[in-house]
Amino acid sequence: MRSRGLASGIWTLLAASAAAVCWVVAGPSEQRRREIVQHLPESNKVRLEASRQRNTLVMQIIEESAQSEKNIARKKDWYKLSRSDS
């Protein structure tokens, strides 16, 4: 019975090791990681500020909706509001 647990533990370690090797082999290189980070929205100050403004607007509308009985989301001109970001 003890050898069965030992064998199970060895197989678990082998599977975890194989997964780690696959992760290292398939993962992006350091240069590719830097490239990915440069294209994240958080790295562009203008896009980050636009996202913050959009999130603020959405939160205001959610708060207004929660405080009233009306469907405020239907009253807003979403197309016009989203165009002001550009």
C-alpha atoms as a PDB file:
ATOM      1  CA  MET A   1       0.000   0.000   0.000  1.00  0.00           C
ATOM      2  CA  ARG A   2       2.872   2.345   0.810  1.00  0.00           C
ATOM      3  CA  SER A   3       4.521   1.775  -2.559  1.00  0.00           C
ATOM      4  CA  ARG A   4       1.268   2.772  -4.235  1.00  0.00           C
ATOM      5  CA  GLY A   5       1.390   6.193  -2.520  1.00  0.00           C
ATOM      6  CA  LEU A   6       5.049   6.559  -3.420  1.00  0.00           C
ATOM      7  CA  ALA A   7       4.344   5.762  -7.055  1.00  0.00           C
ATOM      8  CA  SER A   8       1.462   8.219  -7.067  1.00  0.00           C
ATOM      9  CA  GLY A   9       3.715  10.927  -5.633  1.00  0.00           C
ATOM     10  CA  ILE A  10       6.407  10.262  -8.224  1.00  0.00           C
ATOM     11  CA  TRP A  11       3.869  10.454 -11.056  1.00  0.00           C
ATOM     12  CA  THR A  12       2.539  13.721  -9.642  1.00  0.00           C
ATOM     13  CA  LEU A  13       6.046  15.176  -9.537  1.00  0.00           C
ATOM     14  CA  LEU A  14       6.726  14.020 -13.089  1.00  0.00           C
ATOM     15  CA  ALA A  15       3.493  15.583 -14.340  1.00  0.00           C
ATOM     16  CA  ALA A  16       4.240  18.861 -12.543  1.00  0.00           C
ATOM     17  CA  SER A  17       7.778  18.884 -13.952  1.00  0.00           C
ATOM     18  CA  ALA A  18       6.481  18.255 -17.468  1.00  0.00           C
ATOM     19  CA  ALA A  19       3.983  21.099 -17.078  1.00  0.00           C
ATOM     20  CA  ALA A  20       6.737  23.440 -15.885  1.00  0.00           C
ATOM     21  CA  VAL A  21       8.953  22.534 -18.842  1.00  0.00           C
ATOM     22  CA  CYS A  22       6.066  23.159 -21.254  1.00  0.00           C
ATOM     23  CA  TRP A  23       5.392  26.515 -19.582  1.00  0.00           C
ATOM     24  CA  VAL A  24       9.017  27.593 -19.999  1.00  0.00           C
ATOM     25  CA  VAL A  25       9.250  26.392 -23.596  1.00  0.00           C
ATOM     26  CA  ALA A  26       5.916  27.802 -24.751  1.00  0.00           C
ATOM     27  CA  GLY A  27       6.107  31.094 -22.843  1.00  0.00           C
ATOM     28  CA  PRO A  28       7.084  34.339 -24.543  1.00  0.00           C
ATOM     29  CA  SER A  29      10.687  35.495 -24.583  1.00  0.00           C
ATOM     30  CA  GLU A  30      11.836  38.519 -22.590  1.00  0.00           C
ATOM     31  CA  GLN A  31      11.791  40.698 -25.710  1.00  0.00           C
ATOM     32  CA  ARG A  32       8.222  39.601 -26.518  1.00  0.00           C
ATOM     33  CA  ARG A  33       7.166  40.329 -22.920  1.00  0.00           C
ATOM     34  CA  ARG A  34       8.510  43.887 -23.195  1.00  0.00           C
ATOM     35  CA  GLU A  35       6.650  44.312 -26.474  1.00  0.00           C
ATOM     36  CA  ILE A  36       3.413  43.074 -24.899  1.00  0.00           C
ATOM     37  CA  VAL A  37       3.805  45.442 -21.944  1.00  0.00           C
ATOM     38  CA  GLN A  38       4.356  48.412 -24.287  1.00  0.00           C
ATOM     39  CA  HIS A  39       1.018  47.722 -25.987  1.00  0.00           C
ATOM     40  CA  LEU A  40      -1.033  47.404 -22.809  1.00  0.00           C
ATOM     41  CA  PRO A  41      -3.606  50.176 -22.337  1.00  0.00           C
ATOM     42  CA  GLU A  42      -2.019  51.132 -19.014  1.00  0.00           C
ATOM     43  CA  SER A  43       1.259  52.053 -20.698  1.00  0.00           C
ATOM     44  CA  ASN A  44      -0.372  54.730 -22.883  1.00  0.00           C
ATOM     45  CA  LYS A  45      -1.324  57.752 -20.723  1.00  0.00           C
ATOM     46  CA  VAL A  46      -3.951  59.057 -23.175  1.00  0.00           C
ATOM     47  CA  ARG A  47      -5.727  55.700 -23.415  1.00  0.00           C
ATOM     48  CA  LEU A  48      -5.518  55.245 -19.655  1.00  0.00           C
ATOM     49  CA  GLU A  49      -7.153  58.630 -19.042  1.00  0.00           C
ATOM     50  CA  ALA A  50      -9.876  57.879 -21.632  1.00  0.00           C
ATOM     51  CA  SER A  51     -10.580  54.569 -19.883  1.00  0.00           C
ATOM     52  CA  ARG A  52     -10.825  56.317 -16.527  1.00  0.00           C
ATOM     53  CA  GLN A  53     -13.270  58.891 -17.901  1.00  0.00           C
ATOM     54  CA  ARG A  54     -15.377  56.170 -19.519  1.00  0.00           C
ATOM     55  CA  ASN A  55     -15.409  54.139 -16.291  1.00  0.00           C
ATOM     56  CA  THR A  56     -16.395  57.234 -14.316  1.00  0.00           C
ATOM     57  CA  LEU A  57     -19.258  57.903 -16.716  1.00  0.00           C
ATOM     58  CA  VAL A  58     -20.502  54.323 -16.486  1.00  0.00           C
ATOM     59  CA  MET A  59     -20.331  54.394 -12.682  1.00  0.00           C
ATOM     60  CA  GLN A  60     -22.319  57.660 -12.601  1.00  0.00           C
ATOM     61  CA  ILE A  61     -25.016  56.125 -14.782  1.00  0.00           C
ATOM     62  CA  ILE A  62     -25.139  53.000 -12.622  1.00  0.00           C
ATOM     63  CA  GLU A  63     -25.521  55.147  -9.505  1.00  0.00           C
ATOM     64  CA  GLU A  64     -28.289  57.225 -11.139  1.00  0.00           C
ATOM     65  CA  SER A  65     -30.066  54.039 -12.192  1.00  0.00           C
ATOM     66  CA  ALA A  66     -29.860  52.606  -8.707  1.00  0.00           C
ATOM     67  CA  GLN A  67     -31.367  55.755  -7.185  1.00  0.00           C
ATOM     68  CA  SER A  68     -34.293  56.099  -9.578  1.00  0.00           C
ATOM     69  CA  GLU A  69     -37.148  54.005 -10.855  1.00  0.00           C
ATOM     70  CA  LYS A  70     -36.533  55.019 -14.479  1.00  0.00           C
ATOM     71  CA  ASN A  71     -34.324  53.242 -16.990  1.00  0.00           C
ATOM     72  CA  ILE A  72     -31.638  55.913 -17.243  1.00  0.00           C
ATOM     73  CA  ALA A  73     -29.451  53.829 -19.550  1.00  0.00           C
ATOM     74  CA  ARG A  74     -32.056  54.187 -22.296  1.00  0.00           C
ATOM     75  CA  LYS A  75     -32.075  57.993 -22.033  1.00  0.00           C
ATOM     76  CA  LYS A  76     -28.348  58.469 -22.607  1.00  0.00           C
ATOM     77  CA  ASP A  77     -26.982  58.947 -26.111  1.00  0.00           C
ATOM     78  CA  TRP A  78     -24.232  56.331 -25.821  1.00  0.00           C
ATOM     79  CA  TYR A  79     -22.953  56.869 -29.368  1.00  0.00           C
ATOM     80  CA  LYS A  80     -22.396  60.564 -28.749  1.00  0.00           C
ATOM     81  CA  LEU A  81     -20.725  59.911 -25.392  1.00  0.00           C
ATOM     82  CA  SER A  82     -18.345  57.303 -26.800  1.00  0.00           C
ATOM     83  CA  ARG A  83     -17.393  59.598 -29.704  1.00  0.00           C
ATOM     84  CA  SER A  84     -16.277  62.338 -27.281  1.00  0.00           C
ATOM     85  CA  ASP A  85     -13.426  60.058 -26.100  1.00  0.00           C
ATOM     86  CA  SER A  86     -11.707  59.996 -29.481  1.00  0.00           C
END
